[in-house]
Amino acid sequence: MKIIVLGAGLVGGPMAIDLAKESTFEVTCADISKKNLDKLSSFPITTIQKYLSDPENVRSLVKDCDYVINAVPGFMGFQTVKTIIESGKDLVDIAFFPEDAFLLDDLAKKHNVTAIVDCGVAPGMSNILTGYAHHLLDETETALTYVGGLPRVRQWPYEYKAVFSPIDVIEEYTRPARYIENGKLVIKPALSDPELINFPEIGTLEAFNSDGIRSLATTINAPNIKEKTLRYPGHIEIMRILRETGFFSQEEIEVKGTKVKPMDLTAKLMFPKWELKNNETDITVMQVIVEGKKDGKNVRYIYDLFDERDEKTGIHSMARTTGYTATVALRMVINGLYNHKGISVPEFIGKHPECVKFLLTGLAERGVVYHETII
């Protein structure tokens, strides 16, 4: 069984390592970064250094493979998934691209491809568990997700380290937040409606509106659907000041006769301070709450996740919680448990209890444990 992972970054590399543990898998990992690929040299993984932004490179890479995991940056994700589908390969995607994945649904069906997109932690398991609880209820009233990836140690001034692509983090702070309230689509600025929430393992965190519900806005019939991002208290205000001052703008301004994008300057100055070092511990906190009625009674399903960097392997929590969701989902497809042809958003998987059980079991075997509470 030949599997290729496109992207060897913070999440792509650990996914390739996890898949390489299976003796029946021949694993290849491709990336333009030799530094990232060199980290895989001690594992039974074939590495290929190539630009993944070129569709022809992607086409040639996946040609002789049976399955593909797409872990390229979001801005490359849609075109990469399109190319993989055109090549007739089943895939699991964690690029989290901004385009509507369902635009590729007819193409995937035409090529008889199973394409699971957004298959990380959030979106990903948050959608799967929401879809699962929604499937169990007779009527869903509310679907709410709180989620955040954070450094274990808080450090001034930002009290944050980027546990995934920093440019995608900035998107969470600038892209308007969409959510469903009382059956209507509501759009508010990112970082709005902050609230303080206590989590036993880490203490008080601050939650803000972010544009995270993605496909849930149209696939789940519920009057209230919202996702809020978690950070340490105080981080939101710093980001709001930077955003409102214009530091996140992509529009060029002139400084002493030179045209410059404020975002480019911000990235140069800020992102090195946000870099999560290999020996630094990160944590992932998530709570999914789905409320509704079953047999005429009010029921609430709560799913809690608290995960930390694996000290033995050095694999960061965001890589574990995101990447292992994708690798277990791929095994689910390979084993024939899930074979929907076309584009599948994660909540589609939630309709199948046997698939949810397979995912939760596989994640628990890798130390990523979700706790269910039913009230």
Protein backbone atom coordinates (compact mmCIF):
# COMPACT_ATOMS: atom_id res chain seq x y z
CA MET A 1 0.00 0.00 0.00
CA LYS A 2 1.65 3.22 -1.18
CA ILE A 3 0.79 6.42 0.67
CA ILE A 4 2.18 9.90 0.10
CA VAL A 5 2.00 12.83 2.52
CA LEU A 6 2.23 16.19 0.77
CA GLY A 7 3.93 18.53 3.22
CA ALA A 8 6.54 17.71 5.89
CA GLY A 9 5.94 20.58 8.29
CA LEU A 10 4.82 20.65 11.90
CA VAL A 11 1.90 18.30 11.17
CA GLY A 12 2.90 16.62 7.90
CA GLY A 13 6.09 15.09 9.28
CA PRO A 14 4.46 13.42 12.31
CA MET A 15 1.68 12.08 10.06
CA ALA A 16 4.26 10.40 7.84
CA ILE A 17 5.97 8.94 10.92
CA ASP A 18 2.68 7.57 12.26
CA LEU A 19 1.82 5.92 8.93
CA ALA A 20 5.33 4.49 8.59
CA LYS A 21 4.72 2.38 11.73
CA GLU A 22 2.47 0.14 9.62
CA SER A 23 4.54 -2.59 7.96
CA THR A 24 2.05 -2.80 5.09
CA PHE A 25 2.41 0.89 4.20
CA GLU A 26 5.09 2.29 1.91
CA VAL A 27 5.23 5.93 2.95
CA THR A 28 6.59 8.85 0.96
CA CYS A 29 6.69 12.46 2.12
CA ALA A 30 7.24 15.42 -0.22
CA ASP A 31 8.12 19.01 0.64
CA ILE A 32 10.26 21.83 -0.72
CA SER A 33 12.05 22.17 2.64
CA LYS A 34 15.14 19.97 2.97
CA LYS A 35 15.23 20.92 6.66
CA ASN A 36 11.77 19.43 7.21
CA LEU A 37 12.54 16.31 5.16
CA ASP A 38 15.83 15.68 6.99
CA LYS A 39 13.86 15.25 10.22
CA LEU A 40 12.39 12.07 8.73
CA SER A 41 15.73 10.49 7.82
CA SER A 42 15.72 8.01 10.72
CA PHE A 43 12.33 6.57 9.74
CA PRO A 44 11.35 4.19 6.91
CA ILE A 45 10.04 7.08 4.81
CA THR A 46 11.01 8.00 1.27
CA THR A 47 11.48 11.76 1.01
CA ILE A 48 11.19 13.88 -2.14
CA GLN A 49 12.11 17.57 -2.34
CA LYS A 50 9.73 19.33 -4.73
CA TYR A 51 7.63 22.46 -5.01
CA LEU A 52 4.08 21.44 -4.17
CA SER A 53 2.62 24.67 -5.53
CA ASP A 54 3.06 23.28 -9.06
CA PRO A 55 0.08 21.06 -10.01
CA GLU A 56 2.26 19.07 -12.42
CA ASN A 57 4.63 18.20 -9.58
CA VAL A 58 1.68 17.07 -7.48
CA ARG A 59 0.32 15.02 -10.36
CA SER A 60 3.63 13.21 -10.82
CA LEU A 61 4.06 12.63 -7.08
CA VAL A 62 0.66 11.00 -6.54
CA LYS A 63 0.62 9.06 -9.82
CA ASP A 64 1.96 5.77 -8.43
CA CYS A 65 0.43 6.08 -4.95
CA ASP A 66 -2.75 4.46 -3.64
CA TYR A 67 -3.72 7.15 -1.11
CA VAL A 68 -2.79 10.76 -0.38
CA ILE A 69 -2.75 12.99 2.68
CA ASN A 70 -2.71 16.68 1.80
CA ALA A 71 -0.90 18.86 4.35
CA VAL A 72 0.10 21.87 2.24
CA PRO A 73 -0.57 25.46 3.43
CA GLY A 74 -4.14 26.69 3.10
CA PHE A 75 -3.52 29.01 0.14
CA MET A 76 -2.36 26.00 -1.91
CA GLY A 77 -4.96 23.57 -0.60
CA PHE A 78 -7.85 23.87 -3.06
CA GLN A 79 -5.73 23.50 -6.19
CA THR A 80 -3.78 20.62 -4.64
CA VAL A 81 -6.95 18.72 -3.71
CA LYS A 82 -8.31 19.36 -7.22
CA THR A 83 -5.17 17.88 -8.77
CA ILE A 84 -5.26 14.83 -6.48
CA ILE A 85 -8.92 14.20 -7.38
CA GLU A 86 -8.16 14.56 -11.09
CA SER A 87 -5.49 11.89 -10.56
CA GLY A 88 -8.17 9.53 -9.21
CA LYS A 89 -6.68 9.14 -5.73
CA ASP A 90 -8.61 8.87 -2.44
CA LEU A 91 -7.39 11.50 0.00
CA VAL A 92 -7.60 13.03 3.44
CA ASP A 93 -6.97 16.78 3.57
CA ILE A 94 -5.84 19.09 6.40
CA ALA A 95 -4.98 22.18 4.33
CA PHE A 96 -8.10 24.01 5.62
CA PHE A 97 -8.33 26.10 2.46
CA PRO A 98 -10.76 29.06 2.33
CA GLU A 99 -12.56 27.99 -0.86
CA ASP A 100 -15.79 25.95 -0.80
CA ALA A 101 -14.73 22.30 -0.97
CA PHE A 102 -18.11 21.29 -2.40
CA LEU A 103 -17.11 23.00 -5.64
CA LEU A 104 -15.03 19.85 -6.17
CA ASP A 105 -17.83 17.42 -5.29
CA ASP A 106 -18.91 16.65 -8.88
CA LEU A 107 -15.28 16.23 -9.91
CA ALA A 108 -14.65 13.77 -7.07
CA LYS A 109 -17.75 11.77 -7.97
CA LYS A 110 -16.74 11.75 -11.64
CA HIS A 111 -13.36 10.24 -10.69
CA ASN A 112 -14.90 7.91 -8.07
CA VAL A 113 -12.80 9.50 -5.33
CA THR A 114 -13.34 9.61 -1.56
CA ALA A 115 -12.08 13.02 -0.47
CA ILE A 116 -12.30 13.89 3.23
CA VAL A 117 -11.47 17.56 3.79
CA ASP A 118 -10.91 19.64 6.95
CA CYS A 119 -9.93 16.46 8.81
CA GLY A 120 -7.93 17.85 11.73
CA VAL A 121 -8.91 18.71 15.29
CA ALA A 122 -11.02 21.83 14.61
CA PRO A 123 -12.24 21.72 11.98
CA GLY A 124 -12.16 17.96 12.04
CA MET A 125 -12.97 16.12 15.24
CA SER A 126 -15.07 19.09 16.37
CA ASN A 127 -17.29 18.57 13.29
CA ILE A 128 -17.28 14.78 13.61
CA LEU A 129 -18.42 14.89 17.22
CA THR A 130 -20.99 17.59 16.43
CA GLY A 131 -22.31 15.50 13.56
CA TYR A 132 -22.37 12.40 15.76
CA ALA A 133 -24.35 14.05 18.57
CA HIS A 134 -26.65 15.68 16.01
CA HIS A 135 -27.28 12.21 14.55
CA LEU A 136 -28.17 10.84 18.01
CA LEU A 137 -30.61 13.64 18.85
CA ASP A 138 -34.13 13.99 17.51
CA GLU A 139 -33.70 17.76 17.38
CA THR A 140 -30.52 19.84 17.79
CA GLU A 141 -30.77 23.26 19.39
CA THR A 142 -27.13 24.32 19.88
CA ALA A 143 -23.71 23.25 18.62
CA LEU A 144 -20.84 25.10 20.28
CA THR A 145 -17.09 24.53 20.09
CA TYR A 146 -14.34 26.12 22.17
CA VAL A 147 -10.84 25.32 20.92
CA GLY A 148 -7.31 26.60 21.17
CA GLY A 149 -3.69 25.58 20.74
CA LEU A 150 -1.41 27.28 23.26
CA PRO A 151 2.09 27.17 24.73
CA ARG A 152 2.15 25.57 28.16
CA VAL A 153 4.31 28.45 29.47
CA ARG A 154 2.97 31.98 29.14
CA GLN A 155 5.60 34.48 28.00
CA TRP A 156 5.31 38.26 27.67
CA PRO A 157 4.39 40.10 25.48
CA TYR A 158 2.11 37.88 23.37
CA GLU A 159 1.62 34.89 25.71
CA TYR A 160 1.24 32.86 22.54
CA LYS A 161 3.25 30.63 20.21
CA ALA A 162 1.97 29.60 16.78
CA VAL A 163 1.19 25.90 16.86
CA PHE A 164 0.35 25.98 13.14
CA SER A 165 1.07 28.33 10.24
CA PRO A 166 1.41 31.87 11.71
CA ILE A 167 -0.17 33.45 8.63
CA ASP A 168 -3.23 31.23 9.15
CA VAL A 169 -3.33 32.37 12.80
CA ILE A 170 -3.52 35.99 11.66
CA GLU A 171 -6.48 34.98 9.46
CA GLU A 172 -8.33 34.05 12.66
CA TYR A 173 -7.80 37.63 13.85
CA THR A 174 -8.84 39.39 10.65
CA ARG A 175 -11.45 37.28 8.83
CA PRO A 176 -15.02 38.14 9.96
CA ALA A 177 -16.57 35.46 12.15
CA ARG A 178 -19.68 33.71 10.84
CA TYR A 179 -22.04 31.86 13.11
CA ILE A 180 -25.68 30.84 13.27
CA GLU A 181 -27.86 32.44 15.95
CA ASN A 182 -31.61 31.92 16.23
CA GLY A 183 -31.58 30.34 12.78
CA LYS A 184 -29.92 33.29 11.06
CA LEU A 185 -26.40 33.79 9.76
CA VAL A 186 -24.59 36.42 11.85
CA ILE A 187 -21.31 38.05 10.83
CA LYS A 188 -19.19 39.83 13.42
CA PRO A 189 -15.58 40.99 13.52
CA ALA A 190 -13.02 38.41 14.58
CA LEU A 191 -11.90 38.76 18.21
CA SER A 192 -15.39 39.94 19.21
CA ASP A 193 -17.55 38.90 22.18
CA PRO A 194 -14.72 37.82 24.51
CA GLU A 195 -15.66 35.65 27.48
CA LEU A 196 -13.64 34.03 30.27
CA ILE A 197 -13.96 30.25 30.69
CA ASN A 198 -12.28 28.01 33.24
CA PHE A 199 -10.72 24.69 32.23
CA PRO A 200 -9.55 22.46 35.11
CA GLU A 201 -6.25 21.45 33.49
CA ILE A 202 -5.06 24.95 32.54
CA GLY A 203 -7.19 27.54 34.37
CA THR A 204 -8.97 30.57 32.94
CA LEU A 205 -8.84 31.16 29.19
CA GLU A 206 -10.40 33.86 27.03
CA ALA A 207 -12.68 32.88 24.13
CA PHE A 208 -13.50 35.03 21.11
CA ASN A 209 -15.56 34.69 17.93
CA SER A 210 -13.67 33.19 15.01
CA ASP A 211 -14.71 31.98 11.57
CA GLY A 212 -14.53 28.30 12.42
CA ILE A 213 -17.91 26.69 11.77
CA ARG A 214 -17.14 26.34 8.03
CA SER A 215 -19.38 23.63 6.52
CA LEU A 216 -21.46 23.23 9.71
CA ALA A 217 -23.32 26.39 8.69
CA THR A 218 -25.09 24.46 5.93
CA THR A 219 -24.84 20.77 6.89
CA ILE A 220 -26.25 20.81 10.44
CA ASN A 221 -29.88 21.79 10.97
CA ALA A 222 -29.64 23.71 14.23
CA PRO A 223 -30.64 27.29 15.11
CA ASN A 224 -27.43 28.01 17.01
CA ILE A 225 -23.95 27.04 15.78
CA LYS A 226 -20.78 28.79 16.90
CA GLU A 227 -17.04 28.27 17.33
CA LYS A 228 -14.86 30.36 19.62
CA THR A 229 -11.06 30.34 19.77
CA LEU A 230 -9.25 30.12 23.10
CA ARG A 231 -6.23 32.17 24.18
CA TYR A 232 -4.67 33.26 27.44
CA PRO A 233 -6.38 36.37 28.87
CA GLY A 234 -4.97 39.59 27.46
CA HIS A 235 -3.88 38.25 24.07
CA ILE A 236 -7.10 39.35 22.37
CA GLU A 237 -6.64 43.01 23.25
CA ILE A 238 -3.07 43.04 21.92
CA MET A 239 -4.20 41.54 18.62
CA ARG A 240 -7.11 43.98 18.32
CA ILE A 241 -4.73 46.92 18.77
CA LEU A 242 -2.38 45.60 16.09
CA ARG A 243 -5.25 44.87 13.71
CA GLU A 244 -6.95 48.24 14.14
CA THR A 245 -3.61 50.05 13.72
CA GLY A 246 -3.17 48.31 10.38
CA PHE A 247 -0.31 45.93 11.10
CA PHE A 248 -2.25 43.02 9.55
CA SER A 249 -3.13 44.90 6.35
CA GLN A 250 -2.12 43.49 2.96
CA GLU A 251 -2.48 46.89 1.28
CA GLU A 252 0.82 48.53 0.37
CA ILE A 253 1.83 51.80 2.02
CA GLU A 254 4.76 54.05 1.21
CA VAL A 255 7.54 54.44 3.77
CA LYS A 256 10.40 56.77 2.84
CA GLY A 257 9.79 56.15 -0.85
CA THR A 258 9.50 52.38 -0.53
CA LYS A 259 6.26 50.44 -0.96
CA VAL A 260 5.71 47.89 1.78
CA LYS A 261 2.85 45.69 2.99
CA PRO A 262 2.31 46.15 6.74
CA MET A 263 1.62 42.40 7.04
CA ASP A 264 5.05 41.61 5.59
CA LEU A 265 6.72 43.79 8.21
CA THR A 266 4.58 42.29 10.97
CA ALA A 267 5.48 38.80 9.86
CA LYS A 268 9.18 39.64 9.85
CA LEU A 269 9.05 41.07 13.36
CA MET A 270 6.40 38.98 15.09
CA PHE A 271 6.60 35.46 13.68
CA PRO A 272 10.10 34.70 15.05
CA LYS A 273 8.76 35.53 18.52
CA TRP A 274 5.82 33.19 17.89
CA GLU A 275 7.99 30.25 16.86
CA LEU A 276 7.31 27.19 18.99
CA LYS A 277 10.70 25.61 19.69
CA ASN A 278 11.16 21.85 19.48
CA ASN A 279 11.63 21.54 23.24
CA GLU A 280 8.70 23.77 24.17
CA THR A 281 5.46 22.17 25.33
CA ASP A 282 2.21 23.12 23.66
CA ILE A 283 -1.30 22.15 24.71
CA THR A 284 -4.58 21.70 22.88
CA VAL A 285 -7.83 22.45 24.66
CA MET A 286 -11.21 21.73 23.10
CA GLN A 287 -14.76 21.41 24.33
CA VAL A 288 -17.64 20.50 22.01
CA ILE A 289 -21.16 21.03 23.35
CA VAL A 290 -24.25 19.84 21.49
CA GLU A 291 -27.69 20.35 23.01
CA GLY A 292 -31.12 19.25 21.88
CA LYS A 293 -33.98 16.86 22.48
CA LYS A 294 -34.18 13.08 22.51
CA ASP A 295 -37.51 11.35 23.15
CA GLY A 296 -38.94 14.67 24.34
CA LYS A 297 -36.19 15.27 26.93
CA ASN A 298 -33.42 17.87 26.95
CA VAL A 299 -30.03 16.25 26.38
CA ARG A 300 -26.53 17.74 26.32
CA TYR A 301 -23.49 15.97 24.88
CA ILE A 302 -20.12 17.34 25.97
CA TYR A 303 -16.77 16.20 24.54
CA ASP A 304 -13.60 17.41 26.27
CA LEU A 305 -10.03 17.20 25.00
CA PHE A 306 -6.87 18.25 26.82
CA ASP A 307 -3.65 17.19 25.15
CA GLU A 308 0.04 18.05 25.59
CA ARG A 309 3.26 17.61 23.63
CA ASP A 310 4.52 14.04 23.80
CA GLU A 311 7.73 14.29 25.83
CA LYS A 312 8.99 10.90 24.61
CA THR A 313 8.66 11.56 20.88
CA GLY A 314 8.87 15.36 20.98
CA ILE A 315 5.78 15.60 18.78
CA HIS A 316 3.78 18.71 19.56
CA SER A 317 0.16 18.48 20.65
CA MET A 318 -1.28 20.33 17.66
CA ALA A 319 0.53 17.89 15.37
CA ARG A 320 -0.84 14.96 17.38
CA THR A 321 -4.44 16.12 17.62
CA THR A 322 -4.60 17.33 14.02
CA GLY A 323 -2.34 14.85 12.29
CA TYR A 324 -3.48 11.67 14.01
CA THR A 325 -7.09 12.49 13.21
CA ALA A 326 -6.10 12.48 9.54
CA THR A 327 -3.97 9.32 9.69
CA VAL A 328 -6.64 7.36 11.58
CA ALA A 329 -9.26 8.64 9.12
CA LEU A 330 -7.11 7.40 6.24
CA ARG A 331 -6.91 3.97 7.87
CA MET A 332 -10.69 4.09 8.18
CA VAL A 333 -10.95 4.61 4.41
CA ILE A 334 -8.35 1.95 3.64
CA ASN A 335 -10.23 -0.55 5.85
CA GLY A 336 -13.44 0.11 3.94
CA LEU A 337 -15.35 1.57 6.88
CA TYR A 338 -16.01 4.80 5.01
CA ASN A 339 -16.31 4.95 1.23
CA HIS A 340 -18.56 7.91 0.39
CA LYS A 341 -17.64 9.11 -3.09
CA GLY A 342 -17.34 12.84 -3.52
CA ILE A 343 -16.36 15.54 -1.04
CA SER A 344 -16.88 14.61 2.61
CA VAL A 345 -16.76 17.24 5.30
CA PRO A 346 -16.02 15.72 8.72
CA GLU A 347 -19.58 15.90 10.05
CA PHE A 348 -20.61 13.42 7.34
CA ILE A 349 -18.45 10.85 9.15
CA GLY A 350 -20.34 11.63 12.36
CA LYS A 351 -23.45 10.02 10.87
CA HIS A 352 -21.72 6.64 11.12
CA PRO A 353 -21.26 5.48 14.76
CA GLU A 354 -18.85 2.72 13.70
CA CYS A 355 -16.59 5.32 12.07
CA VAL A 356 -16.70 7.59 15.13
CA LYS A 357 -15.80 4.63 17.35
CA PHE A 358 -12.91 3.73 15.02
CA LEU A 359 -11.57 7.29 15.15
CA LEU A 360 -11.90 7.70 18.92
CA THR A 361 -10.25 4.32 19.51
CA GLY A 362 -7.41 5.04 17.11
CA LEU A 363 -6.78 8.45 18.65
CA ALA A 364 -6.86 7.02 22.20
CA GLU A 365 -4.26 4.43 21.17
CA ARG A 366 -2.05 7.40 20.27
CA GLY A 367 -2.73 9.17 23.57
CA VAL A 368 -5.29 11.65 22.24
CA VAL A 369 -8.30 11.03 24.46
CA TYR A 370 -11.77 12.57 24.19
CA HIS A 371 -14.00 12.40 27.27
CA GLU A 372 -17.76 12.20 26.73
CA THR A 373 -20.29 13.55 29.23
CA ILE A 374 -24.06 13.20 28.68
CA ILE A 375 -26.39 15.34 30.77
